[in-house]
């Protein structure tokens, strides 16, 4: 391209005669004044500027999504965003004002090029050029690239988070299988907004509009907890560990979720690091202990709605438990009877005698091992159902001693609740009173004869069968309306009395987030 003359509207904006102006104001000069700037030292050659940008990109080791997008934009020869024949205008000042706020959020201004941008803006506006790498073309190139890189970092990070939890957590735990391709356990499935294809390119059209300041102001997180954590971050004498913990929980608040607890009057929240469940109904709140997935079999993070509860559920035993615990007892009728297990052929539904099913048959996946419902069932007497992609649920347990432990990471991914009847009453609050009576009868009755033919029952079971009040037995109850459920993970989170609780990083997720955030610290 033909070199073009920098008439330097932006150059003159910060001359001493202007003083400090508001971001959208400037000084007015006549064309006669611009003529005095028409010297070789003040001419911008777009080809030299582009070559300067290419050299900067070649030496820039930053590789976050925003950085890659900035590099790609210029390497594809797209038009300049911030500089033109008039220099650099007040849009750069608008952006710079927001970039300076990142330190209040615990991030490094250097990681957003603040000092470098300030220095080069000052060179442009005071005509402070020299031949030692600070000629006008190199300064313009540095400004163009760094303003774009900082803008994309700031906009993407504040709009969607600096860490993408889908990418990070769903590539964290490899599955234990024999495939030559590594696959991972899915640990994060909370519906949220993510940047769509072309988002960065659309962002780079914004600086040409008057709405840049409005857009930058709109990027602040929507989660109220973010601002509580900002206040905590401002406390004096924080240790490095305390500061890092605040920063990773602030990052969680940046994620733009499709739904939040504070948008509802009634909801159930499970915060895994607390090992507690909280049921909220307006100003009324009650909590109970939970047991959740172990470090090896983590409970996934998700948002859903509790729609139904099943009573005296049967437990279809996972393949991993069959492989690790049950297969060695293949053919033992006494083992299966003592655990109240039975076997069904998956394809036909036919019930099989344990002595007719070998270890190889159990491992084939063609047979289901099921535990009868009722007393002693691993799922307890009540299971709370909600849509999810993991086959997990909230449920009662036949081993209540787990709730006396401090570390209650004990399950294969489901959530065990300490007081299932209290949770059931809460969920059925808008149902008819008689339902609770039936519910209580169903979860306390001996239901061992149910589903058996008379010839299959023991004498004790036959006697029980004759006394069961079958009109009081309930198999399933709908929760109407469904109650929002949040299974989440915060290591700093308000307790029921409003104080900020400091919780252990039981799955090590804080460390994972902190590792990514270091690109901005």
Protein backbone atom coordinates (compact mmCIF):
# COMPACT_ATOMS: atom_id res chain seq x y z
CA UNK A 1 0.00 0.00 0.00
CA UNK A 2 1.04 3.61 -0.57
CA UNK A 3 2.34 5.26 2.61
CA UNK A 4 -0.23 7.54 4.16
CA UNK A 5 0.32 10.67 6.18
CA UNK A 6 -0.48 10.59 9.84
CA UNK A 7 -2.44 13.75 10.48
CA UNK A 8 -2.41 12.61 14.08
CA UNK A 9 -5.74 13.51 15.60
CA UNK A 10 -4.71 11.25 18.44
CA UNK A 11 -1.20 12.70 18.51
CA UNK A 12 -2.50 16.12 19.27
CA UNK A 13 -5.08 14.93 21.79
CA UNK A 14 -2.47 14.59 24.47
CA UNK A 15 -0.26 17.53 23.64
CA UNK A 16 0.39 19.76 26.59
CA UNK A 17 -2.04 22.40 25.31
CA UNK A 18 -4.90 19.88 25.52
CA UNK A 19 -4.44 18.82 29.12
CA UNK A 20 -6.38 15.76 30.23
CA UNK A 21 -9.67 15.27 28.40
CA UNK A 22 -12.61 12.94 28.92
CA UNK A 23 -12.48 9.69 26.91
CA UNK A 24 -14.89 10.94 24.26
CA UNK A 25 -13.64 14.53 23.97
CA UNK A 26 -10.67 15.96 22.04
CA UNK A 27 -8.93 19.14 20.96
CA UNK A 28 -9.83 20.93 17.77
CA UNK A 29 -7.06 21.95 15.36
CA UNK A 30 -7.13 23.65 11.94
CA UNK A 31 -5.83 22.04 8.77
CA UNK A 32 -2.95 24.52 8.83
CA UNK A 33 -1.81 22.87 12.06
CA UNK A 34 -1.84 19.38 10.50
CA UNK A 35 0.35 20.63 7.65
CA UNK A 36 3.15 21.16 10.12
CA UNK A 37 3.13 17.41 10.86
CA UNK A 38 3.66 16.32 7.28
CA UNK A 39 7.32 15.31 7.65
CA UNK A 40 8.92 11.95 6.94
CA UNK A 41 9.22 11.20 10.67
CA UNK A 42 5.44 11.31 11.00
CA UNK A 43 4.52 9.22 7.97
CA UNK A 44 2.95 5.81 8.57
CA UNK A 45 3.56 3.06 6.02
CA UNK A 46 0.95 0.33 6.44
CA UNK A 47 3.34 -2.26 4.99
CA UNK A 48 5.92 -1.48 7.65
CA UNK A 49 3.25 -1.54 10.35
CA UNK A 50 2.08 -5.00 9.23
CA UNK A 51 5.65 -6.29 9.17
CA UNK A 52 6.12 -4.92 12.68
CA UNK A 53 3.00 -6.78 13.84
CA UNK A 54 4.25 -10.01 12.26
CA UNK A 55 7.53 -9.73 14.17
CA UNK A 56 5.66 -9.14 17.43
CA UNK A 57 3.46 -12.19 16.79
CA UNK A 58 6.51 -14.33 16.05
CA UNK A 59 8.03 -13.47 19.43
CA UNK A 60 4.74 -13.66 21.40
CA UNK A 61 4.67 -16.96 23.34
CA UNK A 62 1.19 -16.42 24.85
CA UNK A 63 -1.19 -19.10 23.59
CA UNK A 64 -4.58 -18.64 25.25
CA UNK A 65 -7.66 -18.62 22.98
CA UNK A 66 -7.76 -14.81 22.87
CA UNK A 67 -4.06 -14.68 21.96
CA UNK A 68 -4.48 -17.18 19.12
CA UNK A 69 -7.44 -15.21 17.79
CA UNK A 70 -5.46 -11.95 17.84
CA UNK A 71 -2.55 -13.54 15.99
CA UNK A 72 -4.81 -15.19 13.43
CA UNK A 73 -6.61 -11.92 12.74
CA UNK A 74 -3.46 -10.11 11.66
CA UNK A 75 -1.75 -13.03 9.97
CA UNK A 76 -4.78 -13.28 7.67
CA UNK A 77 -4.25 -9.67 6.61
CA UNK A 78 -7.41 -8.21 8.13
CA UNK A 79 -7.74 -4.44 8.37
CA UNK A 80 -6.39 -2.43 11.30
CA UNK A 81 -8.74 -1.99 14.23
CA UNK A 82 -7.25 0.86 16.22
CA UNK A 83 -5.03 2.94 13.94
CA UNK A 84 -5.91 4.85 10.79
CA UNK A 85 -4.64 7.87 8.87
CA UNK A 86 -5.55 10.05 11.84
CA UNK A 87 -3.55 7.97 14.28
CA UNK A 88 -5.18 6.43 17.37
CA UNK A 89 -8.29 8.03 18.80
CA UNK A 90 -10.08 8.02 22.15
CA UNK A 91 -11.30 4.43 21.75
CA UNK A 92 -7.87 3.37 22.97
CA UNK A 93 -8.38 5.49 26.11
CA UNK A 94 -11.79 3.91 26.70
CA UNK A 95 -10.29 0.43 26.52
CA UNK A 96 -7.29 1.42 28.63
CA UNK A 97 -9.57 2.71 31.42
CA UNK A 98 -11.12 -0.77 31.69
CA UNK A 99 -7.82 -2.60 31.38
CA UNK A 100 -6.55 -0.71 34.41
CA UNK A 101 -9.36 -2.29 36.50
CA UNK A 102 -8.00 -5.82 36.18
CA UNK A 103 -5.73 -5.40 39.19
CA UNK A 104 -8.79 -4.91 41.41
CA UNK A 105 -9.88 -8.35 40.15
CA UNK A 106 -6.56 -9.84 41.21
CA UNK A 107 -5.14 -10.05 37.69
CA UNK A 108 -1.90 -8.55 36.41
CA UNK A 109 -2.07 -5.33 34.38
CA UNK A 110 1.10 -6.49 32.63
CA UNK A 111 -0.76 -9.53 31.24
CA UNK A 112 -3.06 -7.04 29.51
CA UNK A 113 -0.17 -4.94 28.17
CA UNK A 114 -1.31 -1.88 30.16
CA UNK A 115 2.12 -0.35 30.77
CA UNK A 116 3.29 -1.00 27.20
CA UNK A 117 0.12 0.49 25.72
CA UNK A 118 0.39 3.55 27.96
CA UNK A 119 4.01 4.12 26.94
CA UNK A 120 3.33 3.84 23.21
CA UNK A 121 0.22 6.01 23.39
CA UNK A 122 2.33 8.64 25.06
CA UNK A 123 4.95 8.37 22.28
CA UNK A 124 2.29 8.84 19.62
CA UNK A 125 0.73 11.79 21.32
CA UNK A 126 3.92 13.61 22.16
CA UNK A 127 5.61 12.73 18.84
CA UNK A 128 8.37 11.02 20.82
CA UNK A 129 9.85 8.92 18.01
CA UNK A 130 13.44 7.84 17.40
CA UNK A 131 15.37 5.48 15.17
CA UNK A 132 16.02 2.87 17.88
CA UNK A 133 12.95 0.75 17.32
CA UNK A 134 10.59 3.54 18.33
CA UNK A 135 9.86 5.08 14.93
CA UNK A 136 6.24 5.84 14.20
CA UNK A 137 5.61 2.62 12.24
CA UNK A 138 6.91 0.33 14.97
CA UNK A 139 5.02 2.24 17.65
CA UNK A 140 1.82 2.05 15.57
CA UNK A 141 2.33 -1.69 15.01
CA UNK A 142 2.84 -2.36 18.70
CA UNK A 143 -0.23 -0.34 19.61
CA UNK A 144 -2.43 -2.02 17.01
CA UNK A 145 -1.51 -5.56 18.06
CA UNK A 146 -1.40 -5.03 21.82
CA UNK A 147 -4.69 -3.14 21.95
CA UNK A 148 -6.35 -6.01 20.08
CA UNK A 149 -4.73 -8.71 22.19
CA UNK A 150 -5.63 -6.93 25.45
CA UNK A 151 -9.16 -6.21 24.23
CA UNK A 152 -9.81 -9.86 23.35
CA UNK A 153 -8.29 -11.09 26.61
CA UNK A 154 -10.39 -8.68 28.66
CA UNK A 155 -13.63 -9.17 26.72
CA UNK A 156 -13.51 -12.96 26.47
CA UNK A 157 -12.31 -13.43 30.05
CA UNK A 158 -14.95 -11.23 31.61
CA UNK A 159 -17.73 -12.34 29.30
CA UNK A 160 -17.17 -16.11 29.47
CA UNK A 161 -14.38 -16.69 31.98
CA UNK A 162 -10.65 -17.01 31.54
CA UNK A 163 -10.95 -20.79 32.01
CA UNK A 164 -13.33 -22.96 29.98
CA UNK A 165 -14.64 -25.59 32.45
CA UNK A 166 -15.82 -27.91 29.67
CA UNK A 167 -12.33 -28.12 28.21
CA UNK A 168 -10.56 -28.32 31.57
CA UNK A 169 -12.70 -30.69 33.64
CA UNK A 170 -13.90 -32.98 30.86
CA UNK A 171 -10.30 -33.74 29.94
CA UNK A 172 -9.10 -34.26 33.51
CA UNK A 173 -9.77 -37.88 34.48
CA UNK A 174 -8.87 -40.54 31.87
CA UNK A 175 -11.14 -43.57 31.75
CA UNK A 176 -9.59 -46.88 32.68
CA UNK A 177 -10.10 -48.82 29.46
CA UNK A 178 -8.09 -50.77 26.91
CA UNK A 179 -8.60 -48.41 24.00
CA UNK A 180 -5.54 -47.00 22.24
CA UNK A 181 -7.36 -43.66 22.28
CA UNK A 182 -7.55 -41.85 25.59
CA UNK A 183 -11.11 -41.04 26.65
CA UNK A 184 -12.14 -39.08 29.70
CA UNK A 185 -14.84 -39.05 32.34
CA UNK A 186 -17.25 -36.17 31.89
CA UNK A 187 -17.23 -34.15 35.10
CA UNK A 188 -18.84 -30.84 34.08
CA UNK A 189 -22.24 -30.53 32.41
CA UNK A 190 -23.68 -27.22 33.60
CA UNK A 191 -25.47 -25.39 30.82
CA UNK A 192 -23.67 -22.11 30.17
CA UNK A 193 -22.88 -19.59 27.48
CA UNK A 194 -19.71 -20.11 25.47
CA UNK A 195 -18.25 -17.97 22.67
CA UNK A 196 -19.63 -18.95 19.28
CA UNK A 197 -17.64 -19.21 16.10
CA UNK A 198 -16.85 -15.74 14.84
CA UNK A 199 -17.24 -14.14 18.27
CA UNK A 200 -13.74 -12.63 18.26
CA UNK A 201 -14.10 -11.25 14.75
CA UNK A 202 -17.39 -9.62 15.72
CA UNK A 203 -15.66 -8.13 18.77
CA UNK A 204 -13.07 -6.49 16.56
CA UNK A 205 -15.81 -4.67 14.68
CA UNK A 206 -16.98 -3.09 17.94
CA UNK A 207 -14.20 -0.50 18.38
CA UNK A 208 -15.41 1.25 15.22
CA UNK A 209 -18.76 1.91 16.89
CA UNK A 210 -19.71 4.35 19.64
CA UNK A 211 -20.84 1.46 21.83
CA UNK A 212 -17.37 0.30 22.92
CA UNK A 213 -17.67 1.75 26.43
CA UNK A 214 -21.20 0.39 26.86
CA UNK A 215 -20.04 -3.05 25.76
CA UNK A 216 -17.05 -3.10 28.11
CA UNK A 217 -19.27 -2.05 31.02
CA UNK A 218 -21.68 -4.92 30.27
CA UNK A 219 -19.01 -7.58 30.74
CA UNK A 220 -19.01 -7.69 34.53
CA UNK A 221 -20.10 -11.07 36.03
CA UNK A 222 -23.76 -11.59 36.94
CA UNK A 223 -23.15 -13.86 39.94
CA UNK A 224 -23.61 -11.84 43.19
CA UNK A 225 -20.94 -13.96 44.91
CA UNK A 226 -18.33 -12.36 42.63
CA UNK A 227 -18.64 -9.02 44.38
CA UNK A 228 -18.50 -10.59 47.84
CA UNK A 229 -15.24 -12.24 46.80
CA UNK A 230 -13.93 -8.94 45.41
CA UNK A 231 -14.39 -7.44 48.87
CA UNK A 232 -12.52 -10.38 50.41
CA UNK A 233 -9.70 -9.93 47.89
CA UNK A 234 -9.24 -6.34 49.02
CA UNK A 235 -8.50 -7.37 52.62
CA UNK A 236 -4.95 -6.59 53.77
CA UNK A 237 -2.35 -9.22 54.63
CA UNK A 238 -3.79 -12.09 52.60
CA UNK A 239 -1.43 -15.02 52.21
CA UNK A 240 -0.60 -16.33 48.74
CA UNK A 241 -2.78 -19.40 49.39
CA UNK A 242 -5.74 -17.30 50.56
CA UNK A 243 -5.44 -15.00 47.57
CA UNK A 244 -5.31 -17.88 45.11
CA UNK A 245 -8.41 -19.44 46.66
CA UNK A 246 -10.34 -16.21 46.24
CA UNK A 247 -9.21 -15.85 42.63
CA UNK A 248 -10.28 -19.35 41.56
CA UNK A 249 -13.73 -18.88 43.10
CA UNK A 250 -14.03 -15.48 41.38
CA UNK A 251 -13.26 -17.28 38.13
CA UNK A 252 -16.13 -19.69 38.76
CA UNK A 253 -18.39 -16.66 39.14
CA UNK A 254 -17.36 -15.39 35.69
CA UNK A 255 -18.86 -18.42 33.95
CA UNK A 256 -22.14 -17.33 32.37
CA UNK A 257 -24.49 -20.10 33.49
CA UNK A 258 -27.96 -20.47 32.04
CA UNK A 259 -29.44 -20.69 35.53
CA UNK A 260 -28.52 -19.57 39.06
CA UNK A 261 -29.94 -20.42 42.50
CA UNK A 262 -30.59 -16.76 43.32
CA UNK A 263 -33.13 -16.63 40.48
CA UNK A 264 -35.48 -19.00 42.35
CA UNK A 265 -37.40 -18.97 45.62
CA UNK A 266 -37.22 -22.77 45.98
CA UNK A 267 -34.19 -24.85 45.08
CA UNK A 268 -31.85 -27.59 46.28
CA UNK A 269 -28.11 -26.95 46.23
CA UNK A 270 -25.33 -29.48 46.73
CA UNK A 271 -21.91 -27.86 47.10
CA UNK A 272 -19.53 -30.79 46.99
CA UNK A 273 -16.63 -29.31 49.03
CA UNK A 274 -19.03 -28.69 51.93
CA UNK A 275 -20.44 -32.25 51.87
CA UNK A 276 -23.80 -30.59 52.56
CA UNK A 277 -27.18 -30.24 50.86
CA UNK A 278 -29.16 -27.03 51.27
CA UNK A 279 -32.90 -26.84 50.60
CA UNK A 280 -34.23 -23.30 50.25
CA UNK A 281 -37.83 -22.13 50.30
CA UNK A 282 -37.84 -18.33 50.37
CA UNK A 283 -36.45 -17.32 53.76
CA UNK A 284 -36.68 -20.88 55.07
CA UNK A 285 -33.49 -22.94 54.77
CA UNK A 286 -32.50 -26.34 56.09
CA UNK A 287 -29.35 -28.36 55.52
CA UNK A 288 -28.25 -31.96 55.82
CA UNK A 289 -25.04 -33.92 55.37
CA UNK A 290 -24.35 -35.76 52.14
CA UNK A 291 -21.96 -38.40 50.87
CA UNK A 292 -20.76 -37.88 47.30
CA UNK A 293 -18.36 -39.34 44.77
CA UNK A 294 -14.87 -40.29 45.85
CA UNK A 295 -11.76 -38.72 44.33
CA UNK A 296 -11.61 -41.61 41.86
CA UNK A 297 -15.34 -41.58 41.00
CA UNK A 298 -16.20 -37.90 41.27
CA UNK A 299 -19.77 -36.60 41.39
CA UNK A 300 -20.30 -34.59 38.18
CA UNK A 301 -21.21 -30.92 38.32
CA UNK A 302 -24.62 -30.24 36.79
CA UNK A 303 -27.83 -28.26 36.90
CA UNK A 304 -31.23 -29.96 36.63
CA UNK A 305 -34.67 -30.20 38.26
CA UNK A 306 -35.88 -32.87 40.68
CA UNK A 307 -38.93 -34.35 38.99
CA UNK A 308 -39.72 -37.58 40.79
CA UNK A 309 -38.97 -39.79 43.75
CA UNK A 310 -39.08 -43.58 43.61
CA UNK A 311 -39.72 -45.57 46.78
CA UNK A 312 -38.06 -48.85 47.68
CA UNK A 313 -36.07 -48.79 44.43
CA UNK A 314 -34.21 -51.71 43.02
CA UNK A 315 -30.52 -51.11 42.38
CA UNK A 316 -29.07 -52.08 39.02
CA UNK A 317 -25.47 -52.64 39.97
CA UNK A 318 -22.85 -50.82 37.82
CA UNK A 319 -20.50 -52.89 35.67
CA UNK A 320 -17.49 -51.61 37.61
CA UNK A 321 -18.85 -53.07 40.86
CA UNK A 322 -19.72 -56.34 39.15
CA UNK A 323 -16.18 -56.56 37.79
CA UNK A 324 -14.42 -55.57 41.03
CA UNK A 325 -16.64 -57.12 43.73
CA UNK A 326 -19.25 -59.54 42.44
CA UNK A 327 -17.75 -61.59 39.63
CA UNK A 328 -15.56 -63.62 41.98
CA UNK A 329 -18.78 -64.90 43.62
CA UNK A 330 -20.26 -66.11 40.33
CA UNK A 331 -22.33 -69.29 40.80
CA UNK A 332 -22.73 -68.82 44.59
CA UNK A 333 -26.44 -68.93 45.41
CA UNK A 334 -25.75 -68.16 49.09
CA UNK A 335 -23.81 -64.97 48.23
CA UNK A 336 -26.51 -63.63 45.92
CA UNK A 337 -29.26 -64.56 48.39
CA UNK A 338 -27.57 -62.96 51.39
CA UNK A 339 -27.11 -59.69 49.47
CA UNK A 340 -30.61 -59.90 47.99
CA UNK A 341 -29.17 -59.84 44.48
CA UNK A 342 -30.81 -61.49 41.49
CA UNK A 343 -29.76 -61.80 37.85
CA UNK A 344 -31.72 -61.00 34.69
CA UNK A 345 -30.78 -61.60 31.09
CA UNK A 346 -30.59 -58.12 29.58
CA UNK A 347 -32.12 -59.04 26.21
CA UNK A 348 -35.09 -61.12 27.36
CA UNK A 349 -35.62 -59.93 30.95
CA UNK A 350 -35.58 -63.57 32.06
CA UNK A 351 -34.60 -64.15 35.71
CA UNK A 352 -31.62 -66.49 35.97
CA UNK A 353 -30.54 -68.77 38.81
CA UNK A 354 -27.12 -67.64 40.14
CA UNK A 355 -25.67 -71.13 39.73
CA UNK A 356 -26.44 -70.95 35.99
CA UNK A 357 -24.48 -67.74 35.39
CA UNK A 358 -20.70 -67.98 35.10
CA UNK A 359 -18.14 -65.25 35.70
CA UNK A 360 -17.62 -64.90 31.95
CA UNK A 361 -21.36 -64.40 31.47
CA UNK A 362 -21.44 -61.69 34.13
CA UNK A 363 -18.52 -59.88 32.50
CA UNK A 364 -20.08 -60.05 29.05
CA UNK A 365 -22.55 -57.28 29.79
CA UNK A 366 -25.46 -59.46 28.67
CA UNK A 367 -26.73 -59.89 32.24
CA UNK A 368 -27.90 -57.45 34.89
CA UNK A 369 -27.22 -57.92 38.59
CA UNK A 370 -30.00 -56.25 40.58
CA UNK A 371 -30.53 -55.74 44.31
CA UNK A 372 -34.12 -56.06 45.55
CA UNK A 373 -35.77 -52.95 46.93
CA UNK A 374 -36.52 -52.44 50.60
CA UNK A 375 -34.52 -52.67 53.79
CA UNK A 376 -30.81 -53.15 53.21
CA UNK A 377 -30.82 -51.87 49.63
CA UNK A 378 -27.74 -49.75 48.91
CA UNK A 379 -29.98 -46.94 47.60
CA UNK A 380 -32.03 -46.95 50.80
CA UNK A 381 -35.77 -46.42 50.69
CA UNK A 382 -36.02 -43.27 48.55
CA UNK A 383 -34.30 -42.14 45.38
CA UNK A 384 -34.72 -38.63 43.97
CA UNK A 385 -34.67 -38.49 40.16
CA UNK A 386 -33.62 -35.66 37.85
CA UNK A 387 -32.59 -35.54 34.21
CA UNK A 388 -28.84 -35.79 33.64
CA UNK A 389 -26.31 -37.43 31.35
CA UNK A 390 -24.55 -39.48 34.04
CA UNK A 391 -27.22 -41.77 35.56
CA UNK A 392 -26.63 -40.15 38.95
CA UNK A 393 -29.26 -39.22 41.53
CA UNK A 394 -29.82 -38.26 45.16
CA UNK A 395 -30.74 -41.17 47.39
CA UNK A 396 -31.13 -42.62 50.85
CA UNK A 397 -28.55 -45.16 52.05
CA UNK A 398 -28.47 -48.37 54.04
CA UNK A 399 -25.15 -47.27 55.59
CA UNK A 400 -25.94 -44.11 57.63
CA UNK A 401 -22.61 -44.34 59.47
CA UNK A 402 -21.03 -42.55 56.49
CA UNK A 403 -22.50 -39.26 57.75
CA UNK A 404 -20.35 -39.36 60.89
CA UNK A 405 -17.21 -39.02 58.74
CA UNK A 406 -15.54 -35.71 57.95
CA UNK A 407 -14.51 -36.80 54.44
CA UNK A 408 -17.70 -38.08 52.88
CA UNK A 409 -16.38 -38.79 49.41
CA UNK A 410 -17.64 -42.37 49.40
CA UNK A 411 -19.89 -43.05 46.42
CA UNK A 412 -19.47 -43.98 42.77
CA UNK A 413 -20.86 -40.57 41.77
CA UNK A 414 -24.36 -40.41 43.24
CA UNK A 415 -25.22 -38.23 46.24
CA UNK A 416 -26.36 -39.91 49.49
CA UNK A 417 -28.57 -37.74 51.69
CA UNK A 418 -28.68 -37.90 55.47
CA UNK A 419 -32.39 -37.16 55.99
CA UNK A 420 -34.30 -38.37 52.93
CA UNK A 421 -37.73 -38.06 54.56
CA UNK A 422 -37.12 -34.39 55.36
CA UNK A 423 -36.06 -33.80 51.77
CA UNK A 424 -39.14 -35.67 50.53
CA UNK A 425 -41.45 -33.55 52.70
CA UNK A 426 -39.78 -30.40 51.36
CA UNK A 427 -40.20 -31.52 47.75
CA UNK A 428 -43.83 -32.53 48.31
CA UNK A 429 -44.77 -29.37 50.20
CA UNK A 430 -47.42 -28.48 47.65
CA UNK A 431 -48.91 -31.98 47.46
CA UNK A 432 -51.95 -33.29 49.37
CA UNK A 433 -51.37 -34.09 53.06
CA UNK A 434 -52.35 -37.74 52.61
CA UNK A 435 -49.36 -38.33 50.36
CA UNK A 436 -46.93 -37.89 53.26
CA UNK A 437 -48.75 -40.56 55.28
CA UNK A 438 -48.49 -43.02 52.39
CA UNK A 439 -44.87 -42.07 51.87
CA UNK A 440 -44.02 -42.79 55.50
CA UNK A 441 -45.82 -46.15 55.42
CA UNK A 442 -44.09 -47.19 52.19
CA UNK A 443 -40.55 -46.48 53.42
CA UNK A 444 -41.04 -48.25 56.76
CA UNK A 445 -42.98 -51.33 55.62
CA UNK A 446 -41.35 -54.71 54.96
CA UNK A 447 -41.72 -54.95 51.20
CA UNK A 448 -39.57 -58.07 50.73
CA UNK A 449 -42.53 -60.16 49.46
CA UNK A 450 -43.36 -57.73 46.67
CA UNK A 451 -42.66 -59.01 43.15
CA UNK A 452 -42.45 -62.63 44.29
CA UNK A 453 -44.77 -65.51 43.61
CA UNK A 454 -46.14 -67.26 46.70
CA UNK A 455 -43.98 -70.31 46.01
CA UNK A 456 -40.84 -68.13 46.01
CA UNK A 457 -41.52 -66.63 49.46
CA UNK A 458 -40.17 -67.80 52.77
CA UNK A 459 -42.70 -68.45 55.53
CA UNK A 460 -41.85 -65.07 57.08
CA UNK A 461 -42.35 -63.26 53.78
CA UNK A 462 -45.68 -64.99 53.22
CA UNK A 463 -46.84 -63.81 56.65
CA UNK A 464 -45.76 -60.25 55.86
CA UNK A 465 -47.48 -60.34 52.48
CA UNK A 466 -50.82 -61.04 54.18
CA UNK A 467 -50.49 -57.99 56.43
CA UNK A 468 -49.24 -55.41 53.91
CA UNK A 469 -51.65 -52.51 53.37
CA UNK A 470 -51.20 -52.41 49.63
CA UNK A 471 -53.52 -49.42 49.25
CA UNK A 472 -50.96 -47.42 51.25
CA UNK A 473 -47.95 -48.48 49.19
CA UNK A 474 -46.59 -45.92 46.76
CA UNK A 475 -44.11 -46.81 44.03
CA UNK A 476 -43.34 -43.35 42.69
CA UNK A 477 -44.30 -39.72 43.36
CA UNK A 478 -43.97 -36.78 40.99
CA UNK A 479 -42.52 -33.52 42.28
CA UNK A 480 -44.85 -30.80 41.02
CA UNK A 481 -43.63 -28.30 40.13
CA UNK A 482 -40.11 -29.70 39.64
CA UNK A 483 -37.55 -28.15 41.99
CA UNK A 484 -34.27 -26.73 40.59
CA UNK A 485 -31.18 -28.68 41.61
CA UNK A 486 -27.61 -27.40 41.54
CA UNK A 487 -24.64 -29.71 42.07
CA UNK A 488 -21.75 -27.29 42.17
CA UNK A 489 -18.23 -26.79 43.46
CA UNK A 490 -17.13 -23.69 45.40
CA UNK A 491 -14.42 -23.70 48.04
CA UNK A 492 -15.53 -20.26 49.25
CA UNK A 493 -19.30 -20.10 49.53
CA UNK A 494 -21.86 -18.37 51.76
CA UNK A 495 -23.12 -20.60 54.56
CA UNK A 496 -26.81 -20.60 55.51
CA UNK A 497 -26.21 -17.70 57.92
CA UNK A 498 -24.56 -15.61 55.17
CA UNK A 499 -20.95 -15.90 56.34
CA UNK A 500 -18.36 -16.97 53.79
CA UNK A 501 -17.33 -20.56 54.50
CA UNK A 502 -13.77 -21.67 53.69
CA UNK A 503 -14.01 -25.25 52.35
CA UNK A 504 -11.46 -27.93 51.37
CA UNK A 505 -10.57 -28.52 47.73
CA UNK A 506 -11.66 -32.17 47.89
CA UNK A 507 -11.31 -32.92 44.15
CA UNK A 508 -8.32 -30.66 43.51
CA UNK A 509 -10.29 -28.44 41.12
CA UNK A 510 -8.90 -25.23 42.64
CA UNK A 511 -5.40 -26.24 41.60
CA UNK A 512 -6.57 -26.96 38.07
CA UNK A 513 -8.21 -23.53 37.69
CA UNK A 514 -5.27 -21.75 39.34
CA UNK A 515 -2.88 -23.35 36.87
CA UNK A 516 -4.77 -21.77 33.95
CA UNK A 517 -5.26 -18.44 35.70
CA UNK A 518 -1.50 -18.02 36.03
CA UNK A 519 -1.53 -16.92 32.40
CA UNK A 520 -3.22 -13.75 33.65
CA UNK A 521 -1.42 -13.22 36.98
